[in-house]
N, C-alpha and C. Protein backbone atom coordinates (compact mmCIF):
# COMPACT_ATOMS: atom_id res chain seq x y z
N MET A 1 7.80 -3.67 -12.94
CA MET A 1 6.47 -3.88 -12.40
C MET A 1 6.38 -3.19 -11.04
N PRO A 2 5.30 -2.46 -10.77
CA PRO A 2 5.14 -1.86 -9.44
C PRO A 2 4.77 -2.92 -8.41
N VAL A 3 5.43 -2.83 -7.26
CA VAL A 3 5.16 -3.76 -6.16
C VAL A 3 5.04 -2.97 -4.87
N MET A 4 4.49 -3.60 -3.84
CA MET A 4 4.37 -2.98 -2.53
C MET A 4 5.07 -3.86 -1.51
N LEU A 5 5.82 -3.20 -0.63
CA LEU A 5 6.51 -3.89 0.45
C LEU A 5 5.50 -4.25 1.54
N LEU A 6 5.59 -5.49 2.04
CA LEU A 6 4.61 -5.98 3.02
C LEU A 6 5.13 -6.05 4.44
N ARG A 7 6.37 -5.65 4.67
CA ARG A 7 6.96 -5.68 6.02
C ARG A 7 7.84 -4.45 6.20
N ASN A 8 8.02 -4.01 7.44
CA ASN A 8 9.02 -3.00 7.75
C ASN A 8 10.38 -3.68 7.73
N LEU A 9 11.26 -3.26 6.82
CA LEU A 9 12.59 -3.85 6.74
C LEU A 9 13.66 -2.91 7.29
N ASN A 10 13.59 -1.63 6.91
CA ASN A 10 14.58 -0.64 7.35
C ASN A 10 13.95 0.73 7.18
N LEU A 11 13.37 1.25 8.25
CA LEU A 11 12.64 2.51 8.16
C LEU A 11 13.53 3.67 7.74
N GLY A 12 14.76 3.69 8.21
CA GLY A 12 15.70 4.75 7.85
C GLY A 12 16.03 4.78 6.37
N ALA A 13 15.98 3.63 5.73
CA ALA A 13 16.26 3.54 4.29
C ALA A 13 14.99 3.67 3.46
N GLY A 14 13.85 3.93 4.12
CA GLY A 14 12.60 4.09 3.40
C GLY A 14 11.87 2.79 3.11
N LEU A 15 12.28 1.71 3.75
CA LEU A 15 11.67 0.40 3.50
C LEU A 15 10.66 0.06 4.58
N ALA A 16 9.49 0.69 4.48
CA ALA A 16 8.42 0.49 5.45
C ALA A 16 7.26 -0.25 4.80
N ASN A 17 6.45 -0.88 5.61
CA ASN A 17 5.25 -1.56 5.12
C ASN A 17 4.42 -0.58 4.30
N GLY A 18 4.08 -0.95 3.07
CA GLY A 18 3.28 -0.10 2.20
C GLY A 18 4.10 0.71 1.20
N THR A 19 5.42 0.70 1.32
CA THR A 19 6.27 1.43 0.37
C THR A 19 6.10 0.83 -1.02
N ARG A 20 5.91 1.70 -2.01
CA ARG A 20 5.79 1.24 -3.40
C ARG A 20 7.15 1.28 -4.07
N LEU A 21 7.43 0.24 -4.83
CA LEU A 21 8.73 0.06 -5.47
C LEU A 21 8.53 -0.37 -6.92
N ARG A 22 9.58 -0.18 -7.72
CA ARG A 22 9.61 -0.71 -9.09
C ARG A 22 10.78 -1.67 -9.17
N ILE A 23 10.53 -2.90 -9.57
CA ILE A 23 11.59 -3.91 -9.67
C ILE A 23 12.49 -3.57 -10.84
N LYS A 24 13.80 -3.57 -10.57
CA LYS A 24 14.80 -3.32 -11.61
C LYS A 24 15.55 -4.59 -11.99
N ALA A 25 15.80 -5.46 -11.01
CA ALA A 25 16.52 -6.71 -11.27
C ALA A 25 16.14 -7.73 -10.22
N MET A 26 16.08 -8.99 -10.63
CA MET A 26 15.75 -10.08 -9.70
C MET A 26 16.88 -11.10 -9.70
N LYS A 27 17.32 -11.44 -8.52
CA LYS A 27 18.33 -12.48 -8.33
C LYS A 27 17.71 -13.56 -7.45
N TYR A 28 18.46 -14.61 -7.19
CA TYR A 28 17.94 -15.72 -6.40
C TYR A 28 17.62 -15.31 -4.98
N ARG A 29 18.47 -14.50 -4.36
CA ARG A 29 18.29 -14.15 -2.94
C ARG A 29 17.94 -12.68 -2.69
N VAL A 30 17.91 -11.87 -3.72
CA VAL A 30 17.67 -10.44 -3.52
C VAL A 30 17.01 -9.83 -4.77
N ILE A 31 16.21 -8.80 -4.53
CA ILE A 31 15.60 -8.03 -5.61
C ILE A 31 16.10 -6.60 -5.52
N GLN A 32 16.56 -6.06 -6.64
CA GLN A 32 16.94 -4.65 -6.70
C GLN A 32 15.71 -3.88 -7.17
N ALA A 33 15.39 -2.81 -6.44
CA ALA A 33 14.19 -2.04 -6.76
C ALA A 33 14.45 -0.55 -6.54
N GLU A 34 13.61 0.25 -7.14
CA GLU A 34 13.67 1.71 -6.98
C GLU A 34 12.45 2.14 -6.17
N ILE A 35 12.67 2.99 -5.17
CA ILE A 35 11.56 3.51 -4.35
C ILE A 35 10.79 4.54 -5.19
N LEU A 36 9.47 4.39 -5.24
CA LEU A 36 8.64 5.25 -6.08
C LEU A 36 8.05 6.45 -5.36
N THR A 37 7.95 6.41 -4.03
CA THR A 37 7.32 7.51 -3.30
C THR A 37 8.06 7.80 -2.01
N GLY A 38 7.79 8.97 -1.46
CA GLY A 38 8.35 9.32 -0.15
C GLY A 38 9.67 10.03 -0.24
N PRO A 39 10.28 10.31 0.92
CA PRO A 39 11.53 11.07 0.96
C PRO A 39 12.69 10.35 0.29
N LYS A 40 12.63 9.05 0.15
CA LYS A 40 13.71 8.28 -0.49
C LYS A 40 13.39 7.96 -1.95
N GLU A 41 12.42 8.66 -2.52
CA GLU A 41 12.00 8.42 -3.90
C GLU A 41 13.20 8.48 -4.85
N GLY A 42 13.26 7.50 -5.75
CA GLY A 42 14.34 7.44 -6.74
C GLY A 42 15.55 6.65 -6.31
N GLU A 43 15.65 6.33 -5.02
CA GLU A 43 16.82 5.58 -4.54
C GLU A 43 16.66 4.09 -4.83
N ASP A 44 17.79 3.46 -5.16
CA ASP A 44 17.80 2.01 -5.36
C ASP A 44 17.98 1.32 -4.02
N VAL A 45 17.25 0.23 -3.83
CA VAL A 45 17.33 -0.55 -2.60
C VAL A 45 17.38 -2.03 -2.97
N PHE A 46 17.79 -2.84 -2.01
CA PHE A 46 17.83 -4.28 -2.20
C PHE A 46 16.89 -4.92 -1.19
N ILE A 47 16.01 -5.76 -1.68
CA ILE A 47 15.01 -6.43 -0.85
C ILE A 47 15.43 -7.89 -0.71
N PRO A 48 15.74 -8.33 0.51
CA PRO A 48 16.15 -9.74 0.71
C PRO A 48 14.93 -10.64 0.89
N ARG A 49 15.16 -11.93 0.72
CA ARG A 49 14.13 -12.89 1.10
C ARG A 49 14.11 -12.92 2.62
N ILE A 50 12.92 -13.06 3.19
CA ILE A 50 12.81 -13.14 4.64
C ILE A 50 12.17 -14.47 5.02
N THR A 51 12.41 -14.88 6.25
CA THR A 51 11.85 -16.13 6.74
C THR A 51 10.47 -15.87 7.31
N LEU A 52 9.49 -16.62 6.84
CA LEU A 52 8.14 -16.53 7.35
C LEU A 52 7.88 -17.80 8.15
N ASP A 53 7.54 -17.61 9.40
CA ASP A 53 7.22 -18.72 10.28
C ASP A 53 5.71 -18.93 10.22
N ALA A 54 5.28 -19.88 9.42
CA ALA A 54 3.85 -20.07 9.16
C ALA A 54 3.07 -20.44 10.41
N ALA A 55 3.69 -21.10 11.36
CA ALA A 55 2.97 -21.50 12.58
C ALA A 55 2.49 -20.28 13.36
N LYS A 56 3.20 -19.16 13.25
CA LYS A 56 2.82 -17.95 13.97
C LYS A 56 1.70 -17.19 13.26
N HIS A 57 1.55 -17.39 11.95
CA HIS A 57 0.62 -16.59 11.16
C HIS A 57 -0.59 -17.35 10.64
N ALA A 58 -0.60 -18.64 10.83
CA ALA A 58 -1.73 -19.43 10.32
C ALA A 58 -2.00 -20.60 11.25
N ASN A 59 -3.12 -21.19 11.08
CA ASN A 59 -3.47 -22.37 11.88
C ASN A 59 -2.97 -23.62 11.17
N ALA A 60 -1.67 -23.70 10.97
CA ALA A 60 -1.07 -24.86 10.31
C ALA A 60 -1.06 -26.04 11.27
N PRO A 61 -1.28 -27.24 10.76
CA PRO A 61 -1.30 -28.42 11.64
C PRO A 61 0.09 -28.79 12.14
N PHE A 62 1.13 -28.22 11.56
CA PHE A 62 2.50 -28.48 11.99
C PHE A 62 3.33 -27.23 11.70
N PRO A 63 4.40 -27.01 12.46
CA PRO A 63 5.22 -25.81 12.24
C PRO A 63 6.10 -25.97 10.99
N PHE A 64 6.22 -24.89 10.24
CA PHE A 64 7.16 -24.88 9.12
C PHE A 64 7.54 -23.44 8.81
N GLN A 65 8.65 -23.29 8.11
CA GLN A 65 9.14 -21.98 7.71
C GLN A 65 9.37 -21.99 6.21
N ARG A 66 9.29 -20.80 5.62
CA ARG A 66 9.65 -20.66 4.22
C ARG A 66 10.27 -19.29 4.03
N LYS A 67 11.07 -19.17 2.99
CA LYS A 67 11.68 -17.88 2.66
C LYS A 67 10.95 -17.30 1.46
N GLN A 68 10.66 -16.00 1.55
CA GLN A 68 9.99 -15.35 0.44
C GLN A 68 10.32 -13.86 0.45
N PHE A 69 10.12 -13.24 -0.70
CA PHE A 69 10.28 -11.79 -0.78
C PHE A 69 9.00 -11.15 -0.25
N PRO A 70 9.12 -10.15 0.64
CA PRO A 70 7.93 -9.53 1.23
C PRO A 70 7.32 -8.47 0.30
N LEU A 71 6.93 -8.91 -0.90
CA LEU A 71 6.40 -8.00 -1.92
C LEU A 71 5.12 -8.58 -2.51
N GLN A 72 4.28 -7.68 -3.01
CA GLN A 72 3.12 -8.12 -3.78
C GLN A 72 2.90 -7.12 -4.92
N PRO A 73 2.34 -7.56 -6.04
CA PRO A 73 2.06 -6.62 -7.13
C PRO A 73 1.18 -5.48 -6.62
N ALA A 74 1.43 -4.27 -7.14
CA ALA A 74 0.72 -3.10 -6.61
C ALA A 74 0.24 -2.18 -7.73
N PHE A 75 -0.59 -2.73 -8.59
CA PHE A 75 -1.20 -1.89 -9.61
C PHE A 75 -2.34 -1.07 -9.00
N ALA A 76 -2.80 -1.51 -7.84
CA ALA A 76 -3.85 -0.81 -7.09
C ALA A 76 -3.58 -1.04 -5.61
N MET A 77 -4.22 -0.24 -4.76
CA MET A 77 -4.06 -0.43 -3.31
C MET A 77 -5.34 -0.02 -2.61
N THR A 78 -5.47 -0.49 -1.39
CA THR A 78 -6.62 -0.10 -0.59
C THR A 78 -6.43 1.32 -0.08
N ILE A 79 -7.51 1.91 0.38
CA ILE A 79 -7.43 3.25 0.97
C ILE A 79 -6.51 3.23 2.17
N ASN A 80 -6.59 2.18 2.98
CA ASN A 80 -5.73 2.09 4.17
C ASN A 80 -4.25 2.09 3.81
N LYS A 81 -3.86 1.34 2.77
CA LYS A 81 -2.45 1.30 2.36
C LYS A 81 -2.00 2.64 1.78
N GLY A 82 -2.93 3.39 1.21
CA GLY A 82 -2.59 4.68 0.62
C GLY A 82 -2.46 5.80 1.63
N GLN A 83 -2.92 5.58 2.86
CA GLN A 83 -2.87 6.62 3.88
C GLN A 83 -1.43 7.04 4.14
N GLY A 84 -1.20 8.35 4.14
CA GLY A 84 0.13 8.88 4.40
C GLY A 84 0.97 9.06 3.14
N GLN A 85 0.48 8.59 2.01
CA GLN A 85 1.23 8.72 0.77
C GLN A 85 0.69 9.87 -0.06
N THR A 86 1.56 10.49 -0.84
CA THR A 86 1.15 11.48 -1.82
C THR A 86 1.30 10.81 -3.18
N LEU A 87 0.25 10.83 -3.96
CA LEU A 87 0.24 10.13 -5.24
C LEU A 87 0.06 11.12 -6.38
N GLU A 88 0.61 10.79 -7.55
CA GLU A 88 0.48 11.67 -8.72
C GLU A 88 -0.93 11.65 -9.28
N MET A 89 -1.55 10.47 -9.27
CA MET A 89 -2.88 10.31 -9.83
C MET A 89 -3.63 9.27 -9.00
N VAL A 90 -4.93 9.50 -8.80
CA VAL A 90 -5.74 8.57 -8.01
C VAL A 90 -7.01 8.25 -8.78
N GLY A 91 -7.33 6.98 -8.85
CA GLY A 91 -8.60 6.51 -9.38
C GLY A 91 -9.34 5.78 -8.27
N LEU A 92 -10.56 6.18 -7.99
CA LEU A 92 -11.34 5.58 -6.90
C LEU A 92 -12.50 4.77 -7.46
N ASP A 93 -12.67 3.57 -6.96
CA ASP A 93 -13.82 2.75 -7.29
C ASP A 93 -14.82 2.90 -6.15
N LEU A 94 -15.86 3.67 -6.40
CA LEU A 94 -16.87 3.94 -5.37
C LEU A 94 -18.16 3.19 -5.65
N THR A 95 -18.06 2.03 -6.32
CA THR A 95 -19.26 1.23 -6.57
C THR A 95 -19.77 0.58 -5.30
N HIS A 96 -18.91 0.50 -4.27
CA HIS A 96 -19.31 0.00 -2.95
C HIS A 96 -19.10 1.13 -1.96
N GLU A 97 -19.90 1.13 -0.90
CA GLU A 97 -19.78 2.19 0.11
C GLU A 97 -18.41 2.20 0.77
N VAL A 98 -17.90 3.42 1.00
CA VAL A 98 -16.70 3.57 1.81
C VAL A 98 -17.13 3.24 3.23
N PHE A 99 -16.44 2.31 3.87
CA PHE A 99 -17.00 1.70 5.08
C PHE A 99 -16.39 2.16 6.38
N GLY A 100 -15.29 2.88 6.37
CA GLY A 100 -14.65 3.24 7.62
C GLY A 100 -14.63 4.74 7.86
N HIS A 101 -14.48 5.09 9.12
CA HIS A 101 -14.43 6.49 9.54
C HIS A 101 -13.32 7.24 8.79
N GLY A 102 -13.69 8.27 8.05
CA GLY A 102 -12.72 9.14 7.39
C GLY A 102 -12.07 8.57 6.14
N GLN A 103 -12.48 7.39 5.69
CA GLN A 103 -11.80 6.79 4.54
C GLN A 103 -11.99 7.59 3.26
N LEU A 104 -13.15 8.16 3.04
CA LEU A 104 -13.36 8.95 1.83
C LEU A 104 -12.44 10.16 1.82
N TYR A 105 -12.30 10.83 2.97
CA TYR A 105 -11.37 11.96 3.06
C TYR A 105 -9.95 11.52 2.74
N VAL A 106 -9.51 10.41 3.30
CA VAL A 106 -8.16 9.90 3.04
C VAL A 106 -7.98 9.65 1.55
N ALA A 107 -8.94 8.99 0.93
CA ALA A 107 -8.84 8.67 -0.49
C ALA A 107 -8.77 9.93 -1.35
N LEU A 108 -9.59 10.90 -1.06
CA LEU A 108 -9.65 12.12 -1.87
C LEU A 108 -8.45 13.03 -1.66
N SER A 109 -7.78 12.91 -0.53
CA SER A 109 -6.69 13.83 -0.21
C SER A 109 -5.31 13.27 -0.55
N ARG A 110 -5.22 12.16 -1.26
CA ARG A 110 -3.91 11.59 -1.61
C ARG A 110 -3.24 12.33 -2.76
N VAL A 111 -4.01 13.08 -3.53
CA VAL A 111 -3.48 13.78 -4.69
C VAL A 111 -3.67 15.28 -4.48
N GLY A 112 -2.68 16.08 -4.87
CA GLY A 112 -2.73 17.51 -4.61
C GLY A 112 -3.53 18.31 -5.63
N ASP A 113 -3.80 17.75 -6.80
CA ASP A 113 -4.48 18.46 -7.88
C ASP A 113 -5.76 17.71 -8.24
N ALA A 114 -6.89 18.36 -8.11
CA ALA A 114 -8.18 17.71 -8.35
C ALA A 114 -8.32 17.19 -9.78
N THR A 115 -7.58 17.76 -10.72
CA THR A 115 -7.66 17.27 -12.10
C THR A 115 -6.98 15.91 -12.26
N ARG A 116 -6.26 15.46 -11.24
CA ARG A 116 -5.59 14.16 -11.27
C ARG A 116 -6.34 13.12 -10.43
N LEU A 117 -7.59 13.45 -10.07
CA LEU A 117 -8.42 12.56 -9.26
C LEU A 117 -9.60 12.09 -10.11
N PHE A 118 -9.77 10.78 -10.19
CA PHE A 118 -10.84 10.19 -11.00
C PHE A 118 -11.64 9.24 -10.12
N ALA A 119 -12.96 9.39 -10.16
CA ALA A 119 -13.82 8.54 -9.35
C ALA A 119 -14.81 7.82 -10.26
N TYR A 120 -15.00 6.55 -9.98
CA TYR A 120 -15.96 5.74 -10.71
C TYR A 120 -16.95 5.17 -9.71
N GLY A 121 -18.21 5.28 -10.04
CA GLY A 121 -19.21 4.72 -9.15
C GLY A 121 -20.58 4.87 -9.76
N GLY A 122 -21.54 4.24 -9.17
CA GLY A 122 -22.91 4.33 -9.68
C GLY A 122 -23.40 5.77 -9.65
N ASP A 123 -23.94 6.19 -8.53
CA ASP A 123 -24.48 7.54 -8.37
C ASP A 123 -23.54 8.34 -7.49
N LEU A 124 -22.58 9.05 -8.11
CA LEU A 124 -21.56 9.77 -7.34
C LEU A 124 -22.14 10.91 -6.51
N ASP A 125 -23.36 11.36 -6.83
CA ASP A 125 -23.98 12.43 -6.04
C ASP A 125 -24.38 11.93 -4.65
N ASN A 126 -24.49 10.64 -4.48
CA ASN A 126 -24.93 10.08 -3.20
C ASN A 126 -23.81 9.39 -2.42
N VAL A 127 -22.56 9.61 -2.80
CA VAL A 127 -21.44 9.05 -2.04
C VAL A 127 -21.32 9.85 -0.75
N ARG A 128 -21.16 9.15 0.36
CA ARG A 128 -21.06 9.86 1.64
C ARG A 128 -19.83 9.39 2.41
N ASN A 129 -19.31 10.28 3.20
CA ASN A 129 -18.18 9.96 4.05
C ASN A 129 -18.71 9.43 5.38
N VAL A 130 -18.19 8.30 5.81
CA VAL A 130 -18.61 7.71 7.08
C VAL A 130 -17.86 8.42 8.20
N VAL A 131 -18.59 8.99 9.14
CA VAL A 131 -17.97 9.67 10.28
C VAL A 131 -18.61 9.14 11.56
N TYR A 132 -17.79 8.63 12.45
CA TYR A 132 -18.28 8.19 13.75
C TYR A 132 -18.20 9.37 14.70
N ARG A 133 -19.33 9.92 15.06
CA ARG A 133 -19.37 11.12 15.90
C ARG A 133 -18.63 10.93 17.23
N ASP A 134 -18.64 9.72 17.76
CA ASP A 134 -17.94 9.46 19.02
C ASP A 134 -16.42 9.57 18.87
N ALA A 135 -15.93 9.42 17.64
CA ALA A 135 -14.48 9.48 17.41
C ALA A 135 -13.99 10.91 17.19
N VAL A 136 -14.91 11.83 16.94
CA VAL A 136 -14.54 13.22 16.69
C VAL A 136 -14.59 13.98 18.01
N LEU A 137 -13.49 14.65 18.33
CA LEU A 137 -13.46 15.41 19.59
C LEU A 137 -14.08 16.77 19.43
């Protein structure tokens, strides 16, 4: 199953937030996975359970900790998570407006071959890229 890493674990080993992986084996304390993209593509890695301190990340009425794997299913991803990645194939859901500066450009430029880019939306002739003129030098 494709999953996405949710924390920076070891940048040198290719384990950065947003890295896509394929699970190969699951154990009680570790998951063996293969890196799907980037310079470490094809390498096997081990993902440990990490401690999440809920008091720091939520408005919990009392402090507590839990251990969990920093992974989530990744059959799809947001444009922001896809930034910086090169993908074999991209499908875009443009039924809602692209809302951030340059997001349409980022989405369209993730794949090197236009025949591997698929867009779905109401009226694709009226899709526009949001550009904040103040942000452009």
